[in-house]
């Protein structure tokens, strides 16, 4: 991120969604006590999948946190499939369906 003093901004959030594409970018010092943290990032480090959030450090501060893997990925895939099906149906049958 190019935001000046990003940690000061993120510490104000009740809900923090991390999708920066950098492994373990969000640290505990960037998270407000009790905040909900949604980690959308998927990065491979030393053969393991990790998110954009330093999960082990942030889980101590967060009220709730999504893991990587196993967090938002399955919902993302399901929504992508649903939207792909809807687009194909609209293309085949017209926009009224």
Protein backbone atom coordinates (compact mmCIF):
# COMPACT_ATOMS: atom_id res chain seq x y z
CA UNK A 1 0.00 0.00 0.00
CA UNK A 2 1.09 3.57 -0.61
CA UNK A 3 -1.06 5.06 2.14
CA UNK A 4 0.85 7.30 4.53
CA UNK A 5 0.87 5.82 8.07
CA UNK A 6 -1.30 2.88 7.04
CA UNK A 7 -1.22 1.39 10.54
CA UNK A 8 -2.90 4.50 11.97
CA UNK A 9 -5.68 4.15 9.40
CA UNK A 10 -6.20 0.41 9.87
CA UNK A 11 -6.26 0.70 13.68
CA UNK A 12 -9.45 2.77 13.32
CA UNK A 13 -11.31 -0.04 11.53
CA UNK A 14 -13.91 -2.28 13.12
CA UNK A 15 -13.70 -4.44 9.98
CA UNK A 16 -10.39 -4.86 8.17
CA UNK A 17 -10.28 -6.63 4.79
CA UNK A 18 -6.74 -7.46 3.66
CA UNK A 19 -6.20 -7.97 -0.07
CA UNK A 20 -2.80 -6.46 -0.85
CA UNK A 21 -1.00 -9.48 -2.29
CA UNK A 22 1.88 -9.39 0.18
CA UNK A 23 2.41 -12.27 2.61
CA UNK A 24 1.78 -11.44 6.27
CA UNK A 25 1.63 -7.72 5.45
CA UNK A 26 -0.95 -6.90 8.15
CA UNK A 27 0.65 -7.14 11.59
CA UNK A 28 -0.87 -7.09 15.08
CA UNK A 29 0.12 -3.44 15.47
CA UNK A 30 -2.12 -2.55 12.53
CA UNK A 31 -5.28 -4.07 14.04
CA UNK A 32 -7.69 -2.55 16.53
CA UNK A 33 -8.44 -4.71 19.58
CA UNK A 34 -11.59 -6.73 18.84
CA UNK A 35 -11.71 -5.92 15.12
CA UNK A 36 -12.98 -8.42 12.57
CA UNK A 37 -10.20 -9.28 10.12
CA UNK A 38 -10.98 -10.84 6.74
CA UNK A 39 -7.89 -12.13 4.95
CA UNK A 40 -8.50 -12.39 1.20
CA UNK A 41 -4.82 -12.81 0.30
CA UNK A 42 -3.31 -16.04 -0.97
CA UNK A 43 0.47 -16.23 -1.08
CA UNK A 44 2.88 -19.14 -1.22
CA UNK A 45 5.80 -18.97 1.23
CA UNK A 46 8.18 -21.90 1.63
CA UNK A 47 5.64 -24.19 -0.05
CA UNK A 48 2.78 -23.17 2.28
CA UNK A 49 -0.24 -20.97 1.65
CA UNK A 50 -0.33 -17.87 3.82
CA UNK A 51 -2.52 -14.81 3.76
CA UNK A 52 -1.87 -11.10 3.73
CA UNK A 53 -2.38 -11.11 7.52
CA UNK A 54 0.15 -12.41 10.05
CA UNK A 55 -2.46 -14.83 11.37
CA UNK A 56 -0.74 -16.03 14.55
CA UNK A 57 0.08 -12.51 15.74
CA UNK A 58 -3.20 -10.87 14.70
CA UNK A 59 -5.49 -13.57 16.11
CA UNK A 60 -4.54 -12.40 19.62
CA UNK A 61 -5.97 -8.91 18.93
CA UNK A 62 -8.83 -9.65 16.56
CA UNK A 63 -12.35 -10.40 17.70
CA UNK A 64 -12.66 -12.70 14.69
CA UNK A 65 -10.30 -13.59 11.85
CA UNK A 66 -10.47 -15.73 8.71
CA UNK A 67 -7.65 -18.23 8.17
CA UNK A 68 -5.69 -18.95 5.00
CA UNK A 69 -6.23 -21.53 3.67
CA UNK A 70 -9.85 -22.34 4.48
CA UNK A 71 -11.22 -18.85 5.01
CA UNK A 72 -12.93 -16.88 2.26
CA UNK A 73 -11.59 -19.02 -0.60
CA UNK A 74 -14.48 -21.51 -0.74
CA UNK A 75 -17.04 -18.66 -0.65
CA UNK A 76 -15.15 -16.83 -3.39
CA UNK A 77 -15.23 -19.91 -5.62
CA UNK A 78 -18.93 -20.51 -4.94
CA UNK A 79 -19.80 -16.90 -5.76
CA UNK A 80 -17.68 -16.99 -8.92
CA UNK A 81 -19.49 -20.14 -10.07
CA UNK A 82 -22.89 -18.60 -9.27
CA UNK A 83 -22.07 -15.45 -11.25
CA UNK A 84 -20.65 -17.46 -14.17
CA UNK A 85 -23.84 -19.53 -14.33
CA UNK A 86 -26.03 -16.40 -14.17
CA UNK A 87 -24.02 -14.74 -16.97
CA UNK A 88 -24.26 -17.84 -19.17
CA UNK A 89 -28.02 -18.07 -18.55
CA UNK A 90 -28.49 -14.38 -19.43
CA UNK A 91 -26.44 -14.80 -22.59
CA UNK A 92 -28.44 -17.86 -23.66
CA UNK A 93 -31.93 -16.75 -22.58
CA UNK A 94 -31.78 -12.97 -22.48
CA UNK A 95 -31.62 -10.52 -19.60
CA UNK A 96 -35.21 -11.11 -18.39
CA UNK A 97 -34.22 -14.28 -16.50
